């Protein structure tokens, strides 16, 4: 009886040792996986930072060339109501001296422009571009046309193509704000509705 107990204890010790070794191997494998994950994450972060820098340079150059589209993903109205919108239908564009402001927040109502809102175009005057010491760029312009007479301000954040814009009509107080991505016109696929 003493011998069988000794054998039983020895088998238990071997079983515990195997479990401990398996646990140590699992911990080592987890540490290796985490090290690999961190290395990939660093590479992804560096790649994303490089892509953001390239997007910023393209957007900044497009502003300077007066040939861009701000594709809005979000529109905020004067009453504070914010809506997510289709960036292909909601935008501010500038090509040379022709600016277009299109707001189409509705998918159920065709609106005067045929795509759920309003499209207005006009000629540009008083255009100014400034860049602060942090690299944030600001474009201001007056847009005047048959159905629009407004001051437009666009702000491009440093290091990416994320931009926001304010549209201040001169004849009323129905200001609105847009935010989205600023792209060169050639890289944008917006759909322009019928303008006034």
N, C-alpha and C. Protein backbone atom coordinates (compact mmCIF):
# COMPACT_ATOMS: atom_id res chain seq x y z
N UNK A 1 0.80 -1.17 0.00
CA UNK A 1 0.00 0.00 0.00
C UNK A 1 0.86 1.26 0.00
N UNK A 2 1.94 1.25 0.68
CA UNK A 2 2.84 2.39 0.69
C UNK A 2 3.44 2.61 -0.68
N UNK A 3 3.78 1.51 -1.38
CA UNK A 3 4.37 1.60 -2.72
C UNK A 3 3.38 2.22 -3.70
N UNK A 4 2.12 1.79 -3.68
CA UNK A 4 1.13 2.32 -4.62
C UNK A 4 0.90 3.81 -4.39
N UNK A 5 0.96 4.26 -3.12
CA UNK A 5 0.80 5.67 -2.85
C UNK A 5 1.98 6.46 -3.41
N UNK A 6 3.19 5.91 -3.29
CA UNK A 6 4.37 6.57 -3.84
C UNK A 6 4.28 6.69 -5.34
N UNK A 7 3.81 5.63 -5.99
CA UNK A 7 3.65 5.67 -7.45
C UNK A 7 2.59 6.69 -7.83
N UNK A 8 1.51 6.72 -7.08
CA UNK A 8 0.43 7.66 -7.36
C UNK A 8 0.92 9.10 -7.21
N UNK A 9 1.72 9.38 -6.15
CA UNK A 9 2.26 10.72 -5.94
C UNK A 9 3.21 11.09 -7.07
N UNK A 10 4.04 10.14 -7.50
CA UNK A 10 5.00 10.39 -8.57
C UNK A 10 4.26 10.71 -9.87
N UNK A 11 3.17 10.02 -10.17
CA UNK A 11 2.37 10.27 -11.38
C UNK A 11 1.72 11.64 -11.30
N UNK A 12 1.27 12.01 -10.10
CA UNK A 12 0.66 13.33 -9.93
C UNK A 12 1.68 14.43 -10.16
N UNK A 13 2.90 14.23 -9.63
CA UNK A 13 3.96 15.22 -9.82
C UNK A 13 4.30 15.38 -11.30
N UNK A 14 4.37 14.25 -12.03
CA UNK A 14 4.65 14.32 -13.47
C UNK A 14 3.52 15.04 -14.20
N UNK A 15 2.27 14.76 -13.83
CA UNK A 15 1.12 15.42 -14.46
C UNK A 15 1.14 16.93 -14.20
N UNK A 16 1.46 17.32 -12.96
CA UNK A 16 1.53 18.73 -12.61
C UNK A 16 2.68 19.40 -13.36
N UNK A 17 3.80 18.70 -13.51
CA UNK A 17 4.95 19.24 -14.24
C UNK A 17 4.61 19.46 -15.70
N UNK A 18 3.89 18.50 -16.32
CA UNK A 18 3.49 18.67 -17.72
C UNK A 18 2.53 19.84 -17.89
N UNK A 19 1.58 19.97 -16.95
CA UNK A 19 0.65 21.10 -17.01
C UNK A 19 1.39 22.42 -16.86
N UNK A 20 2.36 22.47 -15.97
CA UNK A 20 3.14 23.69 -15.76
C UNK A 20 3.95 24.03 -17.01
N UNK A 21 4.52 23.01 -17.65
CA UNK A 21 5.30 23.25 -18.88
C UNK A 21 4.39 23.75 -20.00
N UNK A 22 3.20 23.15 -20.11
CA UNK A 22 2.25 23.60 -21.13
C UNK A 22 1.83 25.04 -20.88
N UNK A 23 1.60 25.36 -19.61
CA UNK A 23 1.22 26.72 -19.27
C UNK A 23 2.34 27.69 -19.62
N UNK A 24 3.59 27.32 -19.31
CA UNK A 24 4.74 28.18 -19.63
C UNK A 24 4.89 28.35 -21.15
N UNK A 25 4.67 27.26 -21.89
CA UNK A 25 4.73 27.35 -23.36
C UNK A 25 3.63 28.27 -23.89
N UNK A 26 2.43 28.17 -23.31
CA UNK A 26 1.32 29.02 -23.74
C UNK A 26 1.63 30.49 -23.44
N UNK A 27 2.21 30.76 -22.27
CA UNK A 27 2.58 32.13 -21.91
C UNK A 27 3.66 32.64 -22.86
N UNK A 28 4.66 31.81 -23.16
CA UNK A 28 5.73 32.21 -24.10
C UNK A 28 5.14 32.51 -25.47
N UNK A 29 4.24 31.64 -25.93
CA UNK A 29 3.61 31.84 -27.25
C UNK A 29 2.79 33.14 -27.25
N UNK A 30 2.10 33.41 -26.13
CA UNK A 30 1.32 34.64 -26.04
C UNK A 30 2.23 35.87 -26.11
N UNK A 31 3.36 35.82 -25.38
CA UNK A 31 4.32 36.93 -25.41
C UNK A 31 4.88 37.13 -26.82
N UNK A 32 5.18 36.03 -27.52
CA UNK A 32 5.68 36.13 -28.90
C UNK A 32 4.61 36.75 -29.81
N UNK A 33 3.36 36.30 -29.65
CA UNK A 33 2.26 36.85 -30.45
C UNK A 33 2.09 38.35 -30.18
N UNK A 34 2.17 38.75 -28.92
CA UNK A 34 2.01 40.16 -28.57
C UNK A 34 3.15 41.00 -29.15
N UNK A 35 4.37 40.47 -29.11
CA UNK A 35 5.51 41.20 -29.68
C UNK A 35 5.31 41.38 -31.18
N UNK A 36 4.83 40.34 -31.85
CA UNK A 36 4.57 40.43 -33.29
C UNK A 36 3.44 41.42 -33.57
N UNK A 37 2.39 41.38 -32.74
CA UNK A 37 1.26 42.30 -32.90
C UNK A 37 1.73 43.75 -32.73
N UNK A 38 2.55 44.01 -31.71
CA UNK A 38 3.06 45.37 -31.48
C UNK A 38 3.91 45.85 -32.66
N UNK A 39 4.73 44.96 -33.19
CA UNK A 39 5.57 45.33 -34.35
C UNK A 39 4.70 45.67 -35.55
N UNK A 40 3.65 44.86 -35.80
CA UNK A 40 2.74 45.14 -36.91
C UNK A 40 1.98 46.44 -36.67
N UNK A 41 1.56 46.67 -35.42
CA UNK A 41 0.84 47.90 -35.08
C UNK A 41 1.70 49.13 -35.33
N UNK A 42 3.00 49.04 -34.96
CA UNK A 42 3.92 50.16 -35.22
C UNK A 42 4.02 50.42 -36.71
N UNK A 43 4.14 49.34 -37.49
CA UNK A 43 4.23 49.49 -38.95
C UNK A 43 2.94 50.09 -39.50
N UNK A 44 1.79 49.62 -39.01
CA UNK A 44 0.50 50.16 -39.47
C UNK A 44 0.38 51.63 -39.11
N UNK A 45 0.79 51.99 -37.90
CA UNK A 45 0.72 53.40 -37.48
C UNK A 45 1.61 54.26 -38.36
N UNK A 46 2.79 53.77 -38.67
CA UNK A 46 3.70 54.53 -39.53
C UNK A 46 3.12 54.66 -40.93
N UNK A 47 2.54 53.57 -41.44
CA UNK A 47 1.92 53.61 -42.77
C UNK A 47 0.75 54.59 -42.80
N UNK A 48 -0.10 54.55 -41.76
CA UNK A 48 -1.24 55.47 -41.68
C UNK A 48 -0.78 56.91 -41.60
N UNK A 49 0.27 57.16 -40.82
CA UNK A 49 0.80 58.53 -40.71
C UNK A 49 1.33 59.00 -42.07
N UNK A 50 1.99 58.12 -42.79
CA UNK A 50 2.50 58.47 -44.12
C UNK A 50 1.35 58.76 -45.08
N UNK A 51 0.31 57.92 -45.06
CA UNK A 51 -0.86 58.14 -45.92
C UNK A 51 -1.56 59.45 -45.57
N UNK A 52 -1.69 59.75 -44.28
CA UNK A 52 -2.30 61.02 -43.86
C UNK A 52 -1.47 62.20 -44.35
N UNK A 53 -0.15 62.09 -44.26
CA UNK A 53 0.72 63.18 -44.73
C UNK A 53 0.56 63.40 -46.23
N UNK A 54 0.50 62.31 -46.98
CA UNK A 54 0.31 62.43 -48.43
C UNK A 54 -1.06 63.04 -48.75
N UNK A 55 -2.10 62.61 -48.02
CA UNK A 55 -3.44 63.16 -48.23
C UNK A 55 -3.44 64.66 -47.91
N UNK A 56 -2.73 65.05 -46.85
CA UNK A 56 -2.64 66.47 -46.49
C UNK A 56 -1.95 67.26 -47.61
N UNK A 57 -0.84 66.75 -48.11
CA UNK A 57 -0.13 67.46 -49.18
C UNK A 57 -1.01 67.62 -50.42
N UNK A 58 -1.73 66.56 -50.77
CA UNK A 58 -2.63 66.65 -51.93
C UNK A 58 -3.71 67.69 -51.69
N UNK A 59 -4.30 67.67 -50.49
CA UNK A 59 -5.38 68.61 -50.17
C UNK A 59 -4.85 70.04 -50.14
N UNK A 60 -3.72 70.24 -49.52
CA UNK A 60 -3.12 71.58 -49.43
C UNK A 60 -2.79 72.11 -50.82
N UNK A 61 -2.21 71.27 -51.66
CA UNK A 61 -1.89 71.68 -53.04
C UNK A 61 -3.15 71.98 -53.84
N UNK A 62 -4.21 71.21 -53.60
CA UNK A 62 -5.48 71.45 -54.30
C UNK A 62 -6.08 72.80 -53.88
N UNK A 63 -5.97 73.14 -52.59
CA UNK A 63 -6.43 74.45 -52.13
C UNK A 63 -5.64 75.55 -52.85
N UNK A 64 -4.33 75.40 -52.87
CA UNK A 64 -3.48 76.42 -53.49
C UNK A 64 -3.77 76.55 -54.99
N UNK A 65 -4.11 75.44 -55.63
CA UNK A 65 -4.39 75.44 -57.07
C UNK A 65 -5.82 75.87 -57.38
N UNK A 66 -6.63 76.10 -56.34
CA UNK A 66 -8.05 76.46 -56.51
C UNK A 66 -8.78 75.40 -57.34
N UNK A 67 -8.55 74.15 -57.00
CA UNK A 67 -9.12 73.03 -57.74
C UNK A 67 -9.38 71.87 -56.77
N UNK A 68 -10.43 72.00 -55.97
CA UNK A 68 -10.68 71.01 -54.92
C UNK A 68 -12.17 70.78 -54.71
N UNK A 69 -12.45 69.72 -53.95
CA UNK A 69 -13.81 69.41 -53.51
C UNK A 69 -13.74 69.01 -52.04
N UNK A 70 -14.56 69.64 -51.21
CA UNK A 70 -14.72 69.21 -49.82
C UNK A 70 -15.96 68.32 -49.80
N UNK A 71 -15.76 67.01 -49.69
CA UNK A 71 -16.87 66.05 -49.64
C UNK A 71 -17.34 65.95 -48.20
N UNK A 72 -18.53 66.47 -47.93
CA UNK A 72 -19.05 66.53 -46.56
C UNK A 72 -19.65 65.19 -46.13
N UNK A 73 -19.31 64.79 -44.93
CA UNK A 73 -19.91 63.60 -44.31
C UNK A 73 -20.93 64.00 -43.25
N UNK A 74 -20.85 65.27 -42.84
CA UNK A 74 -21.70 65.76 -41.77
C UNK A 74 -22.07 67.21 -42.08
N UNK A 75 -23.34 67.53 -41.92
CA UNK A 75 -23.81 68.91 -42.10
C UNK A 75 -24.54 69.33 -40.82
N UNK A 76 -24.21 70.51 -40.32
CA UNK A 76 -24.88 71.07 -39.14
C UNK A 76 -25.59 72.34 -39.56
N UNK A 77 -26.87 72.42 -39.25
CA UNK A 77 -27.68 73.57 -39.62
C UNK A 77 -27.70 74.60 -38.49
N UNK A 78 -28.23 75.78 -38.79
CA UNK A 78 -28.26 76.90 -37.85
C UNK A 78 -28.89 76.54 -36.51
N UNK A 79 -29.92 75.70 -36.53
CA UNK A 79 -30.61 75.32 -35.30
C UNK A 79 -29.83 74.30 -34.47
N UNK A 80 -28.65 73.91 -34.95
CA UNK A 80 -27.82 72.95 -34.23
C UNK A 80 -28.05 71.51 -34.63
N UNK A 81 -29.03 71.27 -35.49
CA UNK A 81 -29.31 69.91 -35.95
C UNK A 81 -28.18 69.43 -36.87
N UNK A 82 -27.56 68.33 -36.51
CA UNK A 82 -26.48 67.76 -37.32
C UNK A 82 -26.97 66.46 -37.96
N UNK A 83 -26.63 66.27 -39.22
CA UNK A 83 -27.03 65.05 -39.92
C UNK A 83 -25.83 64.48 -40.66
N UNK A 84 -25.77 63.15 -40.69
CA UNK A 84 -24.78 62.48 -41.53
C UNK A 84 -25.34 62.46 -42.94
N UNK A 85 -24.49 62.74 -43.91
CA UNK A 85 -24.95 62.87 -45.29
C UNK A 85 -24.04 62.10 -46.23
N UNK A 86 -24.54 61.91 -47.45
CA UNK A 86 -23.77 61.24 -48.49
C UNK A 86 -22.74 62.24 -49.04
N UNK A 87 -21.43 61.94 -48.92
CA UNK A 87 -20.42 62.90 -49.37
C UNK A 87 -20.40 63.12 -50.88
N UNK A 88 -21.01 62.23 -51.63
CA UNK A 88 -21.04 62.41 -53.08
C UNK A 88 -22.12 63.40 -53.51
N UNK A 89 -23.05 63.72 -52.58
CA UNK A 89 -24.13 64.66 -52.87
C UNK A 89 -24.04 65.94 -52.06
N UNK A 90 -23.15 66.00 -51.09
CA UNK A 90 -23.01 67.16 -50.21
C UNK A 90 -21.57 67.63 -50.25
N UNK A 91 -21.35 68.80 -50.80
CA UNK A 91 -19.97 69.23 -51.02
C UNK A 91 -19.87 70.73 -51.27
N UNK A 92 -18.65 71.20 -51.18
CA UNK A 92 -18.27 72.53 -51.65
C UNK A 92 -17.12 72.29 -52.62
N UNK A 93 -17.22 72.86 -53.80
CA UNK A 93 -16.14 72.70 -54.77
C UNK A 93 -15.68 74.05 -55.29
N UNK A 94 -14.45 74.08 -55.71
CA UNK A 94 -13.89 75.27 -56.35
C UNK A 94 -13.02 74.82 -57.50
N UNK A 95 -13.29 75.37 -58.66
CA UNK A 95 -12.46 75.10 -59.83
C UNK A 95 -12.23 76.45 -60.51
N UNK A 96 -11.02 76.97 -60.35
CA UNK A 96 -10.74 78.29 -60.88
C UNK A 96 -11.51 79.34 -60.11
N UNK A 97 -12.41 80.04 -60.81
CA UNK A 97 -13.24 81.08 -60.17
C UNK A 97 -14.69 80.65 -60.00
N UNK A 98 -15.00 79.37 -60.22
CA UNK A 98 -16.37 78.87 -60.10
C UNK A 98 -16.48 78.00 -58.85
N UNK A 99 -17.35 78.40 -57.95
CA UNK A 99 -17.60 77.64 -56.73
C UNK A 99 -19.00 77.06 -56.75
N UNK A 100 -19.15 75.88 -56.17
CA UNK A 100 -20.45 75.22 -56.04
C UNK A 100 -20.63 74.79 -54.59
N UNK A 101 -21.80 75.10 -54.04
CA UNK A 101 -22.18 74.63 -52.72
C UNK A 101 -23.44 73.80 -52.92
N UNK A 102 -23.35 72.52 -52.58
CA UNK A 102 -24.52 71.63 -52.74
C UNK A 102 -24.81 70.96 -51.41
N UNK A 103 -26.02 71.12 -50.93
CA UNK A 103 -26.48 70.48 -49.70
C UNK A 103 -27.69 69.64 -50.06
N UNK A 104 -27.58 68.34 -49.88
CA UNK A 104 -28.66 67.40 -50.21
C UNK A 104 -28.81 66.39 -49.08
N UNK A 105 -29.40 66.81 -47.95
CA UNK A 105 -29.51 65.91 -46.81
C UNK A 105 -30.63 64.89 -46.90
N UNK A 106 -31.55 65.06 -47.85
CA UNK A 106 -32.72 64.18 -47.92
C UNK A 106 -32.54 63.10 -48.99
N UNK A 107 -32.93 61.89 -48.64
CA UNK A 107 -32.93 60.81 -49.63
C UNK A 107 -34.34 60.52 -50.12
N UNK A 108 -35.34 61.14 -49.47
CA UNK A 108 -36.73 60.85 -49.86
C UNK A 108 -37.38 62.00 -50.62
N UNK A 109 -36.75 63.16 -50.63
CA UNK A 109 -37.31 64.34 -51.29
C UNK A 109 -36.32 64.80 -52.35
N UNK A 110 -36.77 64.98 -53.59
CA UNK A 110 -35.84 65.29 -54.67
C UNK A 110 -35.29 66.70 -54.59
N UNK A 111 -36.05 67.64 -54.07
CA UNK A 111 -35.57 69.02 -53.94
C UNK A 111 -35.41 69.70 -55.28
N UNK A 112 -35.11 70.99 -55.25
CA UNK A 112 -34.97 71.74 -56.50
C UNK A 112 -33.80 71.27 -57.37
N UNK A 113 -32.80 70.63 -56.76
CA UNK A 113 -31.65 70.20 -57.56
C UNK A 113 -31.80 68.78 -58.11
N UNK A 114 -32.89 68.10 -57.74
CA UNK A 114 -33.13 66.75 -58.24
C UNK A 114 -32.44 65.65 -57.45
N UNK A 115 -31.63 66.01 -56.45
CA UNK A 115 -30.93 64.98 -55.65
C UNK A 115 -31.12 65.20 -54.14
N UNK A 116 -32.24 65.82 -53.76
CA UNK A 116 -32.57 65.91 -52.34
C UNK A 116 -32.14 67.17 -51.63
N UNK A 117 -31.96 68.25 -52.36
CA UNK A 117 -31.55 69.47 -51.69
C UNK A 117 -31.40 70.64 -52.63
N UNK A 118 -30.36 71.43 -52.41
CA UNK A 118 -30.13 72.65 -53.17
C UNK A 118 -28.70 72.69 -53.69
N UNK A 119 -28.55 73.10 -54.94
CA UNK A 119 -27.23 73.32 -55.54
C UNK A 119 -27.16 74.76 -55.99
N UNK A 120 -26.16 75.49 -55.51
CA UNK A 120 -25.98 76.87 -55.93
C UNK A 120 -24.54 77.05 -56.40
N UNK A 121 -24.39 77.89 -57.41
CA UNK A 121 -23.05 78.15 -57.90
C UNK A 121 -22.84 79.64 -58.05
N UNK A 122 -21.59 80.03 -58.04
CA UNK A 122 -21.29 81.45 -58.17
C UNK A 122 -19.83 81.67 -58.46
N UNK A 123 -19.51 82.90 -58.74
CA UNK A 123 -18.12 83.26 -58.98
C UNK A 123 -17.47 83.66 -57.66
N UNK A 124 -16.15 83.53 -57.62
CA UNK A 124 -15.40 83.74 -56.39
C UNK A 124 -14.67 85.07 -56.42
N UNK A 125 -14.66 85.73 -55.28
CA UNK A 125 -13.85 86.94 -55.13
C UNK A 125 -13.27 86.96 -53.71
N UNK A 126 -12.25 87.76 -53.52
CA UNK A 126 -11.67 87.91 -52.19
C UNK A 126 -11.09 86.64 -51.61
N UNK A 127 -10.57 85.77 -52.45
CA UNK A 127 -10.04 84.50 -51.95
C UNK A 127 -8.71 84.73 -51.24
N UNK A 128 -8.60 84.18 -50.05
CA UNK A 128 -7.36 84.26 -49.27
C UNK A 128 -7.05 82.89 -48.68
N UNK A 129 -5.77 82.52 -48.71
CA UNK A 129 -5.32 81.27 -48.11
C UNK A 129 -4.21 81.60 -47.12
N UNK A 130 -4.37 81.12 -45.89
CA UNK A 130 -3.34 81.32 -44.87
C UNK A 130 -3.05 79.98 -44.19
N UNK A 131 -1.80 79.82 -43.75
CA UNK A 131 -1.40 78.63 -43.01
C UNK A 131 -0.74 79.08 -41.72
N UNK A 132 -1.21 78.55 -40.59
CA UNK A 132 -0.63 78.96 -39.31
C UNK A 132 0.65 78.19 -39.02
N UNK A 133 1.29 78.51 -37.88
CA UNK A 133 2.58 77.89 -37.55
C UNK A 133 2.45 76.39 -37.28
N UNK A 134 1.23 75.90 -37.01
CA UNK A 134 1.03 74.47 -36.77
C UNK A 134 0.71 73.70 -38.06
N UNK A 135 0.59 74.41 -39.18
CA UNK A 135 0.30 73.76 -40.45
C UNK A 135 -1.17 73.69 -40.80
N UNK A 136 -2.05 74.28 -39.98
CA UNK A 136 -3.47 74.32 -40.30
C UNK A 136 -3.70 75.38 -41.37
N UNK A 137 -4.44 75.04 -42.40
CA UNK A 137 -4.65 75.95 -43.52
C UNK A 137 -6.09 76.44 -43.52
N UNK A 138 -6.26 77.72 -43.84
CA UNK A 138 -7.60 78.33 -43.86
C UNK A 138 -7.78 79.06 -45.19
N UNK A 139 -8.88 78.74 -45.86
CA UNK A 139 -9.24 79.42 -47.11
C UNK A 139 -10.53 80.17 -46.86
N UNK A 140 -10.56 81.44 -47.23
CA UNK A 140 -11.80 82.21 -47.15
C UNK A 140 -12.08 82.78 -48.53
N UNK A 141 -13.36 82.85 -48.88
CA UNK A 141 -13.75 83.40 -50.18
C UNK A 141 -15.18 83.87 -50.13
N UNK A 142 -15.49 84.81 -50.99
CA UNK A 142 -16.87 85.24 -51.20
C UNK A 142 -17.37 84.54 -52.45
N UNK A 143 -18.57 83.98 -52.36
CA UNK A 143 -19.19 83.31 -53.51
C UNK A 143 -20.45 84.08 -53.85
N UNK A 144 -20.51 84.58 -55.09
CA UNK A 144 -21.67 85.38 -55.51
C UNK A 144 -22.22 84.83 -56.81
N UNK A 145 -23.54 84.59 -56.80
CA UNK A 145 -24.22 84.09 -57.97
C UNK A 145 -25.68 84.45 -57.93
N UNK A 146 -26.47 83.83 -58.81
CA UNK A 146 -27.90 84.11 -58.88
C UNK A 146 -28.59 83.74 -57.58
N UNK A 147 -28.25 82.57 -57.00
CA UNK A 147 -28.95 82.11 -55.81
C UNK A 147 -28.06 82.06 -54.58
N UNK A 148 -26.85 82.58 -54.67
CA UNK A 148 -25.97 82.56 -53.50
C UNK A 148 -25.17 83.85 -53.42
N UNK A 149 -25.03 84.31 -52.21
CA UNK A 149 -24.18 85.44 -51.90
C UNK A 149 -23.71 85.15 -50.48
N UNK A 150 -22.54 84.52 -50.37
CA UNK A 150 -22.12 84.02 -49.06
C UNK A 150 -20.61 84.12 -48.88
N UNK A 151 -20.23 84.13 -47.62
CA UNK A 151 -18.82 84.03 -47.23
C UNK A 151 -18.58 82.58 -46.87
N UNK A 152 -17.56 81.96 -47.46
CA UNK A 152 -17.24 80.55 -47.20
C UNK A 152 -15.85 80.48 -46.57
N UNK A 153 -15.75 79.77 -45.47
CA UNK A 153 -14.47 79.55 -44.81
C UNK A 153 -14.22 78.06 -44.72
N UNK A 154 -13.06 77.63 -45.19
CA UNK A 154 -12.68 76.21 -45.14
C UNK A 154 -11.41 76.09 -44.32
N UNK A 155 -11.41 75.14 -43.40
CA UNK A 155 -10.25 74.89 -42.55
C UNK A 155 -9.76 73.47 -42.78
N UNK A 156 -8.48 73.35 -43.14
CA UNK A 156 -7.84 72.06 -43.38
C UNK A 156 -6.89 71.78 -42.23
N UNK A 157 -7.14 70.70 -41.50
CA UNK A 157 -6.30 70.35 -40.35
C UNK A 157 -4.94 69.87 -40.81
N UNK A 158 -3.90 70.24 -40.08
CA UNK A 158 -2.54 69.83 -40.42
C UNK A 158 -2.41 68.32 -40.32
N UNK A 159 -1.71 67.74 -41.27
CA UNK A 159 -1.38 66.32 -41.20
C UNK A 159 -2.41 65.37 -41.76
N UNK A 160 -3.54 65.86 -42.28
CA UNK A 160 -4.53 64.97 -42.89
C UNK A 160 -5.36 65.79 -43.87
N UNK A 161 -6.28 65.11 -44.55
CA UNK A 161 -7.15 65.85 -45.48
C UNK A 161 -8.53 66.11 -44.86
N UNK A 162 -8.63 66.00 -43.54
CA UNK A 162 -9.88 66.30 -42.83
C UNK A 162 -10.09 67.81 -42.83
N UNK A 163 -11.28 68.23 -43.22
CA UNK A 163 -11.56 69.67 -43.33
C UNK A 163 -12.95 69.96 -42.81
N UNK A 164 -13.15 71.22 -42.45
CA UNK A 164 -14.48 71.69 -42.06
C UNK A 164 -14.71 73.01 -42.78
N UNK A 165 -15.97 73.35 -42.95
CA UNK A 165 -16.30 74.59 -43.66
C UNK A 165 -17.50 75.25 -43.00
N UNK A 166 -17.53 76.57 -43.10
CA UNK A 166 -18.66 77.38 -42.65
C UNK A 166 -19.15 78.17 -43.84
N UNK A 167 -20.48 78.21 -44.01
CA UNK A 167 -21.08 78.99 -45.08
C UNK A 167 -21.99 80.02 -44.42
N UNK A 168 -21.64 81.31 -44.60
CA UNK A 168 -22.38 82.41 -43.98
C UNK A 168 -23.05 83.23 -45.08
N UNK A 169 -24.35 83.02 -45.32
CA UNK A 169 -25.05 83.82 -46.33
C UNK A 169 -25.06 85.30 -45.94
N UNK A 170 -24.88 86.18 -46.92
CA UNK A 170 -24.86 87.62 -46.65
C UNK A 170 -26.26 88.20 -46.50
N UNK A 171 -27.26 87.52 -47.04
CA UNK A 171 -28.61 88.10 -47.05
C UNK A 171 -29.51 87.56 -45.94
N UNK A 172 -29.07 86.50 -45.24
CA UNK A 172 -29.86 85.98 -44.12
C UNK A 172 -28.91 85.34 -43.12
N UNK A 173 -29.45 84.79 -42.07
CA UNK A 173 -28.60 84.20 -41.04
C UNK A 173 -28.65 82.67 -41.04
N UNK A 174 -28.95 82.08 -42.18
CA UNK A 174 -29.05 80.62 -42.27
C UNK A 174 -27.69 79.98 -42.50
N UNK A 175 -26.76 80.22 -41.59
CA UNK A 175 -25.42 79.64 -41.71
C UNK A 175 -25.49 78.13 -41.57
N UNK A 176 -24.51 77.46 -42.15
CA UNK A 176 -24.39 76.02 -41.98
C UNK A 176 -22.93 75.63 -41.98
N UNK A 177 -22.66 74.44 -41.42
CA UNK A 177 -21.30 73.97 -41.25
C UNK A 177 -21.21 72.56 -41.81
N UNK A 178 -20.10 72.27 -42.48
CA UNK A 178 -19.87 70.96 -43.08
C UNK A 178 -18.52 70.43 -42.60
N UNK A 179 -18.39 69.13 -42.55
CA UNK A 179 -17.09 68.53 -42.26
C UNK A 179 -16.95 67.25 -43.08
N UNK A 180 -15.73 66.99 -43.51
CA UNK A 180 -15.47 65.81 -44.33
C UNK A 180 -14.03 65.81 -44.83
N UNK A 181 -13.83 65.26 -46.02
CA UNK A 181 -12.50 65.13 -46.60
C UNK A 181 -12.33 66.10 -47.76
N UNK A 182 -11.17 66.74 -47.82
CA UNK A 182 -10.86 67.65 -48.90
C UNK A 182 -9.95 66.94 -49.91
N UNK A 183 -10.40 66.91 -51.16
CA UNK A 183 -9.69 66.17 -52.21
C UNK A 183 -9.44 67.06 -53.42
N UNK A 184 -8.42 66.73 -54.21
CA UNK A 184 -8.30 67.38 -55.52
C UNK A 184 -9.53 67.03 -56.35
N UNK A 185 -9.97 67.94 -57.20
CA UNK A 185 -11.17 67.69 -58.01
C UNK A 185 -11.06 66.39 -58.80
N UNK A 186 -9.87 66.10 -59.32
CA UNK A 186 -9.69 64.89 -60.13
C UNK A 186 -9.89 63.61 -59.33
N UNK A 187 -9.75 63.67 -58.01
CA UNK A 187 -9.90 62.48 -57.17
C UNK A 187 -11.30 62.35 -56.58
N UNK A 188 -12.18 63.28 -56.91
CA UNK A 188 -13.53 63.28 -56.34
C UNK A 188 -14.55 62.79 -57.37
N UNK A 189 -15.58 62.12 -56.88
CA UNK A 189 -16.64 61.60 -57.74
C UNK A 189 -18.00 62.15 -57.36
N UNK A 190 -18.05 63.42 -56.92
CA UNK A 190 -19.33 63.99 -56.51
C UNK A 190 -20.28 64.11 -57.70
N UNK A 191 -21.58 64.10 -57.37
CA UNK A 191 -22.62 64.24 -58.39
C UNK A 191 -23.29 65.59 -58.19
N UNK A 192 -23.12 66.46 -59.17
CA UNK A 192 -23.67 67.81 -59.06
C UNK A 192 -25.08 67.82 -59.62
N UNK A 193 -26.02 68.29 -58.80
CA UNK A 193 -27.40 68.40 -59.21
C UNK A 193 -27.63 69.65 -60.05
N UNK A 194 -28.89 69.89 -60.37
CA UNK A 194 -29.26 71.06 -61.17
C UNK A 194 -29.18 72.30 -60.29
N UNK A 195 -28.40 73.29 -60.74
CA UNK A 195 -28.25 74.50 -59.95
C UNK A 195 -29.26 75.56 -60.39
N UNK A 196 -29.40 76.58 -59.54
CA UNK A 196 -30.29 77.70 -59.85
C UNK A 196 -29.68 78.54 -60.95
